[in-house]
Amino acid sequence: MDSFIVSLFRLVRVIYAMSQMSRDTHAFIKGAGQATMHEDPEVAESLRRTFRQIIRTVIATLIFGVLVVPILTLAIGVIFYGITQEDAATRLFVGIGFSLVLSILYLFVGVSLGCLLAPPEFFRSQAGEKWIELIGTSDMVAARIICGLVVVIGGFVMFGVAAFLMTMAPTN
């Protein structure tokens, strides 16, 4: 019983940390749009273009993690591994539900990927400085390394969801 309580406490801590990460990432996205202001119109336009690219990357990452991974995994399972269509439908429901919970992580992964692909000028802007502050570093190289690690971890999580869906016990 004690191990159950300890496990439950750890789960609550993980959920709290994920919600805090989600709030911080949302605050970055909301505030970074206003932080793309600059005296030079060309620099301001470049920052806005970079910020739009980050937003598109976040949206693509969320769609990929929540929908594409479960659907593609189960399509492969039906075609190549003999999973029945009825079983695939149940697994798809579970996979999308599980991925929706992980969408908080996918949001952070999307912003990290967008910032990883952003030009160096972005990190010298107010929005870039906000991101560097959010991830807890003061160096642009370290920020890119952290962003890369977050993206790799996100990829492993998506792979884990796919593996879970493929190895899930049949429902019929």
N, C-alpha and C. Protein backbone atom coordinates (compact mmCIF):
# COMPACT_ATOMS: atom_id res chain seq x y z
N MET A 1 0.83 -1.19 0.00
CA MET A 1 0.00 0.00 0.00
C MET A 1 0.88 1.26 0.00
N ASP A 2 2.01 1.20 0.74
CA ASP A 2 2.89 2.36 0.79
C ASP A 2 3.50 2.65 -0.57
N SER A 3 3.87 1.59 -1.32
CA SER A 3 4.45 1.81 -2.64
C SER A 3 3.42 2.42 -3.58
N PHE A 4 2.15 2.06 -3.42
CA PHE A 4 1.09 2.65 -4.23
C PHE A 4 0.98 4.14 -3.95
N ILE A 5 1.03 4.53 -2.70
CA ILE A 5 0.94 5.94 -2.32
C ILE A 5 2.15 6.71 -2.84
N VAL A 6 3.33 6.11 -2.74
CA VAL A 6 4.54 6.76 -3.27
C VAL A 6 4.43 6.92 -4.78
N SER A 7 3.96 5.88 -5.47
CA SER A 7 3.79 5.95 -6.92
C SER A 7 2.76 7.01 -7.30
N LEU A 8 1.69 7.08 -6.56
CA LEU A 8 0.65 8.08 -6.81
C LEU A 8 1.20 9.49 -6.59
N PHE A 9 1.99 9.66 -5.55
CA PHE A 9 2.61 10.96 -5.27
C PHE A 9 3.54 11.36 -6.42
N ARG A 10 4.33 10.41 -6.92
CA ARG A 10 5.23 10.69 -8.04
C ARG A 10 4.45 11.07 -9.28
N LEU A 11 3.34 10.38 -9.53
CA LEU A 11 2.51 10.69 -10.68
C LEU A 11 1.95 12.11 -10.58
N VAL A 12 1.50 12.49 -9.39
CA VAL A 12 0.99 13.84 -9.18
C VAL A 12 2.09 14.87 -9.43
N ARG A 13 3.31 14.59 -8.98
CA ARG A 13 4.44 15.51 -9.22
C ARG A 13 4.73 15.65 -10.70
N VAL A 14 4.69 14.54 -11.44
CA VAL A 14 4.94 14.59 -12.89
C VAL A 14 3.85 15.40 -13.58
N ILE A 15 2.60 15.17 -13.21
CA ILE A 15 1.49 15.92 -13.81
C ILE A 15 1.62 17.40 -13.49
N TYR A 16 2.00 17.73 -12.27
CA TYR A 16 2.19 19.14 -11.90
C TYR A 16 3.31 19.76 -12.72
N ALA A 17 4.42 19.03 -12.86
CA ALA A 17 5.56 19.56 -13.63
C ALA A 17 5.16 19.77 -15.09
N MET A 18 4.39 18.84 -15.65
CA MET A 18 3.95 18.99 -17.04
C MET A 18 3.01 20.18 -17.19
N SER A 19 2.12 20.39 -16.23
CA SER A 19 1.21 21.53 -16.33
C SER A 19 1.97 22.83 -16.19
N GLN A 20 2.97 22.87 -15.33
CA GLN A 20 3.80 24.07 -15.19
C GLN A 20 4.57 24.35 -16.47
N MET A 21 5.11 23.30 -17.07
CA MET A 21 5.82 23.43 -18.34
C MET A 21 4.88 23.95 -19.41
N SER A 22 3.65 23.46 -19.43
CA SER A 22 2.67 23.91 -20.40
C SER A 22 2.33 25.39 -20.20
N ARG A 23 2.15 25.81 -18.95
CA ARG A 23 1.85 27.22 -18.68
C ARG A 23 3.00 28.11 -19.11
N ASP A 24 4.24 27.70 -18.81
CA ASP A 24 5.40 28.49 -19.19
C ASP A 24 5.54 28.58 -20.71
N THR A 25 5.31 27.47 -21.40
CA THR A 25 5.40 27.46 -22.85
C THR A 25 4.30 28.33 -23.46
N HIS A 26 3.10 28.24 -22.92
CA HIS A 26 1.99 29.07 -23.41
C HIS A 26 2.30 30.54 -23.19
N ALA A 27 2.86 30.87 -22.04
CA ALA A 27 3.22 32.26 -21.76
C ALA A 27 4.30 32.74 -22.72
N PHE A 28 5.24 31.86 -23.07
CA PHE A 28 6.27 32.22 -24.05
C PHE A 28 5.62 32.53 -25.40
N ILE A 29 4.74 31.64 -25.85
CA ILE A 29 4.11 31.82 -27.16
C ILE A 29 3.30 33.11 -27.18
N LYS A 30 2.56 33.35 -26.12
CA LYS A 30 1.72 34.55 -26.06
C LYS A 30 2.59 35.82 -25.99
N GLY A 31 3.60 35.80 -25.16
CA GLY A 31 4.44 36.98 -24.98
C GLY A 31 5.44 37.20 -26.09
N ALA A 32 5.86 36.11 -26.75
CA ALA A 32 6.87 36.24 -27.79
C ALA A 32 6.35 36.98 -29.00
N GLY A 33 5.07 36.88 -29.27
CA GLY A 33 4.50 37.62 -30.39
C GLY A 33 4.64 39.11 -30.19
N GLN A 34 4.50 39.56 -28.97
CA GLN A 34 4.65 40.99 -28.68
C GLN A 34 6.12 41.36 -28.56
N ALA A 35 6.97 40.37 -28.29
CA ALA A 35 8.39 40.65 -28.11
C ALA A 35 9.15 40.70 -29.43
N THR A 36 8.44 40.57 -30.55
CA THR A 36 9.10 40.62 -31.85
C THR A 36 9.19 42.04 -32.40
N MET A 37 8.88 43.01 -31.57
CA MET A 37 8.97 44.41 -31.98
C MET A 37 10.44 44.83 -32.03
N HIS A 38 10.77 45.62 -33.04
CA HIS A 38 12.14 46.09 -33.20
C HIS A 38 12.10 47.42 -33.94
N GLU A 39 13.11 48.29 -33.70
CA GLU A 39 13.14 49.60 -34.35
C GLU A 39 13.31 49.46 -35.86
N ASP A 40 14.16 48.52 -36.27
CA ASP A 40 14.43 48.30 -37.69
C ASP A 40 13.29 47.46 -38.29
N PRO A 41 12.58 47.99 -39.28
CA PRO A 41 11.44 47.25 -39.85
C PRO A 41 11.85 45.89 -40.46
N GLU A 42 13.04 45.81 -41.04
CA GLU A 42 13.48 44.54 -41.64
C GLU A 42 13.72 43.49 -40.56
N VAL A 43 14.34 43.89 -39.47
CA VAL A 43 14.58 42.97 -38.36
C VAL A 43 13.25 42.55 -37.74
N ALA A 44 12.34 43.51 -37.58
CA ALA A 44 11.03 43.20 -37.00
C ALA A 44 10.29 42.19 -37.89
N GLU A 45 10.36 42.38 -39.20
CA GLU A 45 9.69 41.44 -40.11
C GLU A 45 10.34 40.06 -40.04
N SER A 46 11.66 40.02 -39.94
CA SER A 46 12.37 38.75 -39.81
C SER A 46 11.96 38.03 -38.52
N LEU A 47 11.85 38.79 -37.44
CA LEU A 47 11.43 38.19 -36.16
C LEU A 47 9.99 37.67 -36.25
N ARG A 48 9.12 38.43 -36.88
CA ARG A 48 7.73 37.98 -37.03
C ARG A 48 7.67 36.71 -37.90
N ARG A 49 8.46 36.67 -38.96
CA ARG A 49 8.50 35.50 -39.83
C ARG A 49 9.00 34.27 -39.03
N THR A 50 10.03 34.47 -38.24
CA THR A 50 10.57 33.38 -37.41
C THR A 50 9.52 32.93 -36.39
N PHE A 51 8.84 33.88 -35.80
CA PHE A 51 7.83 33.54 -34.81
C PHE A 51 6.69 32.76 -35.46
N ARG A 52 6.26 33.16 -36.66
CA ARG A 52 5.21 32.41 -37.37
C ARG A 52 5.69 31.00 -37.68
N GLN A 53 6.96 30.85 -38.02
CA GLN A 53 7.53 29.53 -38.29
C GLN A 53 7.49 28.67 -37.02
N ILE A 54 7.79 29.27 -35.89
CA ILE A 54 7.73 28.52 -34.62
C ILE A 54 6.30 28.08 -34.33
N ILE A 55 5.34 28.97 -34.54
CA ILE A 55 3.93 28.61 -34.30
C ILE A 55 3.50 27.47 -35.23
N ARG A 56 3.89 27.54 -36.50
CA ARG A 56 3.56 26.45 -37.44
C ARG A 56 4.22 25.14 -37.01
N THR A 57 5.43 25.22 -36.50
CA THR A 57 6.13 24.03 -36.04
C THR A 57 5.42 23.43 -34.83
N VAL A 58 4.96 24.27 -33.92
CA VAL A 58 4.22 23.79 -32.75
C VAL A 58 2.94 23.08 -33.19
N ILE A 59 2.20 23.69 -34.09
CA ILE A 59 0.94 23.09 -34.57
C ILE A 59 1.21 21.76 -35.27
N ALA A 60 2.25 21.73 -36.11
CA ALA A 60 2.59 20.49 -36.82
C ALA A 60 3.01 19.40 -35.84
N THR A 61 3.77 19.76 -34.82
CA THR A 61 4.20 18.77 -33.82
C THR A 61 3.01 18.22 -33.05
N LEU A 62 2.09 19.09 -32.68
CA LEU A 62 0.89 18.62 -31.97
C LEU A 62 0.07 17.68 -32.85
N ILE A 63 -0.16 18.05 -34.10
CA ILE A 63 -0.93 17.20 -35.01
C ILE A 63 -0.21 15.87 -35.22
N PHE A 64 1.10 15.94 -35.42
CA PHE A 64 1.86 14.71 -35.65
C PHE A 64 1.78 13.79 -34.43
N GLY A 65 2.00 14.36 -33.24
CA GLY A 65 2.01 13.53 -32.03
C GLY A 65 0.65 12.99 -31.65
N VAL A 66 -0.39 13.80 -31.80
CA VAL A 66 -1.72 13.40 -31.33
C VAL A 66 -2.47 12.56 -32.37
N LEU A 67 -2.30 12.84 -33.65
CA LEU A 67 -3.08 12.14 -34.67
C LEU A 67 -2.25 11.21 -35.57
N VAL A 68 -1.19 11.75 -36.15
CA VAL A 68 -0.44 10.99 -37.15
C VAL A 68 0.21 9.74 -36.55
N VAL A 69 0.86 9.89 -35.41
CA VAL A 69 1.54 8.73 -34.80
C VAL A 69 0.56 7.60 -34.52
N PRO A 70 -0.57 7.83 -33.82
CA PRO A 70 -1.49 6.71 -33.58
C PRO A 70 -2.11 6.15 -34.87
N ILE A 71 -2.51 7.02 -35.78
CA ILE A 71 -3.17 6.53 -37.01
C ILE A 71 -2.18 5.76 -37.88
N LEU A 72 -1.01 6.31 -38.10
CA LEU A 72 -0.01 5.64 -38.93
C LEU A 72 0.45 4.33 -38.30
N THR A 73 0.65 4.32 -37.00
CA THR A 73 1.06 3.10 -36.31
C THR A 73 0.03 2.00 -36.50
N LEU A 74 -1.23 2.34 -36.33
CA LEU A 74 -2.26 1.30 -36.44
C LEU A 74 -2.52 0.91 -37.89
N ALA A 75 -2.33 1.83 -38.82
CA ALA A 75 -2.44 1.45 -40.23
C ALA A 75 -1.36 0.43 -40.57
N ILE A 76 -0.15 0.67 -40.09
CA ILE A 76 0.94 -0.30 -40.30
C ILE A 76 0.60 -1.62 -39.61
N GLY A 77 0.04 -1.54 -38.41
CA GLY A 77 -0.34 -2.75 -37.68
C GLY A 77 -1.39 -3.57 -38.41
N VAL A 78 -2.37 -2.90 -39.00
CA VAL A 78 -3.42 -3.61 -39.74
C VAL A 78 -2.86 -4.22 -41.01
N ILE A 79 -2.05 -3.45 -41.74
CA ILE A 79 -1.54 -3.90 -43.03
C ILE A 79 -0.48 -5.00 -42.87
N PHE A 80 0.47 -4.80 -41.97
CA PHE A 80 1.62 -5.70 -41.91
C PHE A 80 1.60 -6.72 -40.76
N TYR A 81 0.87 -6.45 -39.70
CA TYR A 81 0.95 -7.32 -38.53
C TYR A 81 -0.36 -8.02 -38.18
N GLY A 82 -1.36 -7.89 -39.01
CA GLY A 82 -2.59 -8.64 -38.82
C GLY A 82 -3.48 -8.17 -37.69
N ILE A 83 -3.34 -6.94 -37.26
CA ILE A 83 -4.26 -6.42 -36.25
C ILE A 83 -5.63 -6.24 -36.92
N THR A 84 -6.67 -6.73 -36.28
CA THR A 84 -8.00 -6.61 -36.87
C THR A 84 -8.45 -5.15 -36.86
N GLN A 85 -9.35 -4.83 -37.76
CA GLN A 85 -9.83 -3.45 -37.83
C GLN A 85 -10.58 -3.05 -36.56
N GLU A 86 -11.31 -3.99 -35.96
CA GLU A 86 -12.03 -3.69 -34.72
C GLU A 86 -11.04 -3.40 -33.59
N ASP A 87 -10.01 -4.23 -33.51
CA ASP A 87 -8.98 -4.03 -32.49
C ASP A 87 -8.23 -2.73 -32.74
N ALA A 88 -7.97 -2.42 -34.01
CA ALA A 88 -7.28 -1.18 -34.35
C ALA A 88 -8.10 0.04 -33.94
N ALA A 89 -9.42 -0.05 -34.07
CA ALA A 89 -10.27 1.07 -33.69
C ALA A 89 -10.17 1.33 -32.19
N THR A 90 -10.16 0.26 -31.40
CA THR A 90 -10.02 0.42 -29.95
C THR A 90 -8.66 0.99 -29.61
N ARG A 91 -7.63 0.46 -30.24
CA ARG A 91 -6.27 0.95 -30.00
C ARG A 91 -6.13 2.41 -30.42
N LEU A 92 -6.79 2.78 -31.51
CA LEU A 92 -6.74 4.17 -31.97
C LEU A 92 -7.36 5.10 -30.94
N PHE A 93 -8.49 4.70 -30.39
CA PHE A 93 -9.15 5.50 -29.36
C PHE A 93 -8.22 5.67 -28.15
N VAL A 94 -7.60 4.58 -27.73
CA VAL A 94 -6.66 4.62 -26.60
C VAL A 94 -5.45 5.49 -26.96
N GLY A 95 -4.93 5.31 -28.17
CA GLY A 95 -3.74 6.05 -28.60
C GLY A 95 -3.97 7.54 -28.68
N ILE A 96 -5.10 7.94 -29.23
CA ILE A 96 -5.39 9.37 -29.32
C ILE A 96 -5.63 9.94 -27.93
N GLY A 97 -6.34 9.20 -27.08
CA GLY A 97 -6.56 9.68 -25.71
C GLY A 97 -5.25 9.84 -24.95
N PHE A 98 -4.37 8.85 -25.08
CA PHE A 98 -3.06 8.90 -24.43
C PHE A 98 -2.25 10.06 -24.99
N SER A 99 -2.31 10.25 -26.31
CA SER A 99 -1.56 11.33 -26.95
C SER A 99 -2.10 12.70 -26.56
N LEU A 100 -3.40 12.80 -26.32
CA LEU A 100 -3.96 14.08 -25.87
C LEU A 100 -3.39 14.47 -24.51
N VAL A 101 -3.21 13.48 -23.65
CA VAL A 101 -2.58 13.75 -22.36
C VAL A 101 -1.14 14.23 -22.57
N LEU A 102 -0.46 13.61 -23.52
CA LEU A 102 0.93 13.98 -23.80
C LEU A 102 1.05 15.25 -24.63
N SER A 103 -0.06 15.82 -25.06
CA SER A 103 0.01 17.03 -25.89
C SER A 103 0.68 18.19 -25.15
N ILE A 104 0.65 18.17 -23.85
CA ILE A 104 1.37 19.18 -23.07
C ILE A 104 2.87 19.07 -23.37
N LEU A 105 3.37 17.85 -23.38
CA LEU A 105 4.77 17.63 -23.72
C LEU A 105 5.03 17.99 -25.18
N TYR A 106 4.11 17.60 -26.07
CA TYR A 106 4.28 17.88 -27.49
C TYR A 106 4.31 19.39 -27.76
N LEU A 107 3.59 20.16 -26.98
CA LEU A 107 3.63 21.62 -27.11
C LEU A 107 5.04 22.12 -26.85
N PHE A 108 5.64 21.66 -25.78
CA PHE A 108 7.00 22.05 -25.43
C PHE A 108 8.00 21.56 -26.49
N VAL A 109 7.80 20.35 -26.99
CA VAL A 109 8.66 19.80 -28.04
C VAL A 109 8.55 20.65 -29.30
N GLY A 110 7.33 21.07 -29.65
CA GLY A 110 7.14 21.89 -30.84
C GLY A 110 7.85 23.23 -30.74
N VAL A 111 7.74 23.87 -29.60
CA VAL A 111 8.44 25.15 -29.41
C VAL A 111 9.95 24.92 -29.45
N SER A 112 10.40 23.85 -28.84
CA SER A 112 11.84 23.54 -28.85
C SER A 112 12.34 23.30 -30.28
N LEU A 113 11.57 22.57 -31.06
CA LEU A 113 11.96 22.32 -32.45
C LEU A 113 11.97 23.63 -33.24
N GLY A 114 10.95 24.45 -33.04
CA GLY A 114 10.91 25.74 -33.72
C GLY A 114 12.08 26.62 -33.35
N CYS A 115 12.43 26.65 -32.09
CA CYS A 115 13.58 27.46 -31.65
C CYS A 115 14.90 26.85 -32.10
N LEU A 116 14.95 25.53 -32.19
CA LEU A 116 16.16 24.87 -32.69
C LEU A 116 16.42 25.26 -34.15
N LEU A 117 15.35 25.40 -34.92
CA LEU A 117 15.48 25.74 -36.34
C LEU A 117 15.56 27.24 -36.58
N ALA A 118 15.32 28.04 -35.53
CA ALA A 118 15.31 29.50 -35.68
C ALA A 118 16.72 30.02 -35.95
N PRO A 119 16.82 31.13 -36.69
CA PRO A 119 18.14 31.71 -36.94
C PRO A 119 18.73 32.30 -35.66
N PRO A 120 20.05 32.48 -35.64
CA PRO A 120 20.70 33.01 -34.42
C PRO A 120 20.16 34.37 -33.98
N GLU A 121 19.69 35.17 -34.93
CA GLU A 121 19.15 36.49 -34.57
C GLU A 121 17.95 36.38 -33.63
N PHE A 122 17.22 35.28 -33.77
CA PHE A 122 16.05 35.10 -32.92
C PHE A 122 16.43 35.06 -31.45
N PHE A 123 17.54 34.41 -31.13
CA PHE A 123 17.96 34.28 -29.73
C PHE A 123 18.47 35.59 -29.15
N ARG A 124 18.79 36.54 -30.02
CA ARG A 124 19.22 37.85 -29.53
C ARG A 124 18.05 38.82 -29.39
N SER A 125 16.85 38.38 -29.80
CA SER A 125 15.66 39.21 -29.66
C SER A 125 15.05 39.03 -28.28
N GLN A 126 14.04 39.86 -27.97
CA GLN A 126 13.34 39.71 -26.69
C GLN A 126 12.68 38.34 -26.58
N ALA A 127 12.09 37.87 -27.68
CA ALA A 127 11.42 36.57 -27.67
C ALA A 127 12.43 35.45 -27.42
N GLY A 128 13.57 35.52 -28.09
CA GLY A 128 14.62 34.52 -27.88
C GLY A 128 15.16 34.55 -26.47
N GLU A 129 15.34 35.74 -25.93
CA GLU A 129 15.81 35.85 -24.55
C GLU A 129 14.78 35.27 -23.58
N LYS A 130 13.50 35.45 -23.91
CA LYS A 130 12.44 34.86 -23.07
C LYS A 130 12.54 33.34 -23.08
N TRP A 131 12.78 32.77 -24.26
CA TRP A 131 12.89 31.32 -24.37
C TRP A 131 14.11 30.82 -23.62
N ILE A 132 15.24 31.50 -23.78
CA ILE A 132 16.46 31.10 -23.08
C ILE A 132 16.24 31.15 -21.57
N GLU A 133 15.53 32.17 -21.11
CA GLU A 133 15.20 32.27 -19.68
C GLU A 133 14.29 31.12 -19.25
N LEU A 134 13.32 30.77 -20.10
CA LEU A 134 12.37 29.71 -19.77
C LEU A 134 13.07 28.36 -19.61
N ILE A 135 14.04 28.08 -20.46
CA ILE A 135 14.70 26.77 -20.36
C ILE A 135 15.86 26.77 -19.39
N GLY A 136 16.18 27.92 -18.81
CA GLY A 136 17.12 27.97 -17.71
C GLY A 136 18.59 28.03 -18.09
N THR A 137 18.90 28.73 -19.15
CA THR A 137 20.30 28.89 -19.52
C THR A 137 20.53 30.34 -19.95
N SER A 138 21.78 30.69 -20.14
CA SER A 138 22.06 32.06 -20.58
C SER A 138 22.90 32.06 -21.86
N ASP A 139 23.15 30.87 -22.41
CA ASP A 139 24.00 30.73 -23.57
C ASP A 139 23.20 30.19 -24.74
N MET A 140 23.40 30.77 -25.94
CA MET A 140 22.66 30.35 -27.12
C MET A 140 23.02 28.91 -27.52
N VAL A 141 24.27 28.54 -27.42
CA VAL A 141 24.68 27.17 -27.78
C VAL A 141 24.03 26.17 -26.83
N ALA A 142 24.05 26.48 -25.55
CA ALA A 142 23.41 25.60 -24.56
C ALA A 142 21.90 25.53 -24.82
N ALA A 143 21.30 26.64 -25.21
CA ALA A 143 19.86 26.65 -25.51
C ALA A 143 19.56 25.73 -26.69
N ARG A 144 20.39 25.76 -27.71
CA ARG A 144 20.18 24.88 -28.87
C ARG A 144 20.38 23.41 -28.48
N ILE A 145 21.34 23.13 -27.63
CA ILE A 145 21.56 21.76 -27.17
C ILE A 145 20.35 21.27 -26.37
N ILE A 146 19.86 22.12 -25.48
CA ILE A 146 18.68 21.75 -24.69
C ILE A 146 17.48 21.53 -25.60
N CYS A 147 17.29 22.43 -26.57
CA CYS A 147 16.18 22.27 -27.52
C CYS A 147 16.32 20.95 -28.28
N GLY A 148 17.53 20.63 -28.71
CA GLY A 148 17.76 19.37 -29.41
C GLY A 148 17.44 18.16 -28.54
N LEU A 149 17.84 18.22 -27.28
CA LEU A 149 17.55 17.12 -26.36
C LEU A 149 16.04 16.96 -26.13
N VAL A 150 15.35 18.09 -26.00
CA VAL A 150 13.89 18.04 -25.82
C VAL A 150 13.22 17.41 -27.04
N VAL A 151 13.70 17.76 -28.23
CA VAL A 151 13.13 17.20 -29.46
C VAL A 151 13.40 15.69 -29.52
N VAL A 152 14.60 15.27 -29.16
CA VAL A 152 14.93 13.84 -29.16
C VAL A 152 14.05 13.10 -28.14
N ILE A 153 13.89 13.67 -26.95
CA ILE A 153 13.03 13.04 -25.94
C ILE A 153 11.59 12.96 -26.45
N GLY A 154 11.13 14.02 -27.09
CA GLY A 154 9.78 14.00 -27.67
C GLY A 154 9.63 12.90 -28.71
N GLY A 155 10.66 12.71 -29.53
CA GLY A 155 10.64 11.64 -30.52
C GLY A 155 10.58 10.27 -29.86
N PHE A 156 11.34 10.09 -28.78
CA PHE A 156 11.30 8.83 -28.05
C PHE A 156 9.91 8.59 -27.43
N VAL A 157 9.28 9.65 -26.94
CA VAL A 157 7.94 9.51 -26.37
C VAL A 157 6.95 9.10 -27.46
N MET A 158 7.04 9.74 -28.63
CA MET A 158 6.14 9.37 -29.73
C MET A 158 6.39 7.92 -30.16
N PHE A 159 7.66 7.53 -30.22
CA PHE A 159 7.99 6.14 -30.54
C PHE A 159 7.43 5.20 -29.47
N GLY A 160 7.50 5.62 -28.21
CA GLY A 160 6.95 4.81 -27.13
C GLY A 160 5.45 4.62 -27.25
N VAL A 161 4.75 5.68 -27.65
CA VAL A 161 3.30 5.57 -27.87
C VAL A 161 3.03 4.56 -28.99
N ALA A 162 3.81 4.67 -30.07
CA ALA A 162 3.63 3.74 -31.19
C ALA A 162 3.91 2.31 -30.74
N ALA A 163 4.97 2.10 -29.99
CA ALA A 163 5.31 0.75 -29.51
C ALA A 163 4.21 0.22 -28.58
N PHE A 164 3.70 1.10 -27.73
CA PHE A 164 2.61 0.70 -26.82
C PHE A 164 1.39 0.25 -27.62
N LEU A 165 1.03 1.01 -28.65
CA LEU A 165 -0.14 0.67 -29.43
C LEU A 165 0.05 -0.64 -30.21
N MET A 166 1.26 -0.89 -30.67
CA MET A 166 1.52 -2.13 -31.42
C MET A 166 1.52 -3.35 -30.51
N THR A 167 1.99 -3.19 -29.28
CA THR A 167 2.12 -4.34 -28.39
C THR A 167 0.96 -4.48 -27.42
N MET A 168 0.00 -3.59 -27.50
CA MET A 168 -1.16 -3.64 -26.62
C MET A 168 -1.89 -4.98 -26.84
N ALA A 169 -2.36 -5.55 -25.75
CA ALA A 169 -3.07 -6.83 -25.85
C ALA A 169 -4.33 -6.67 -26.69
N PRO A 170 -4.64 -7.68 -27.49
CA PRO A 170 -5.87 -7.61 -28.29
C PRO A 170 -7.10 -7.39 -27.41
N THR A 171 -8.05 -6.64 -27.92
CA THR A 171 -9.22 -6.30 -27.12
C THR A 171 -10.38 -7.27 -27.31
N ASN A 172 -10.28 -8.19 -28.30
CA ASN A 172 -11.39 -9.12 -28.51
C ASN A 172 -11.06 -10.50 -28.08
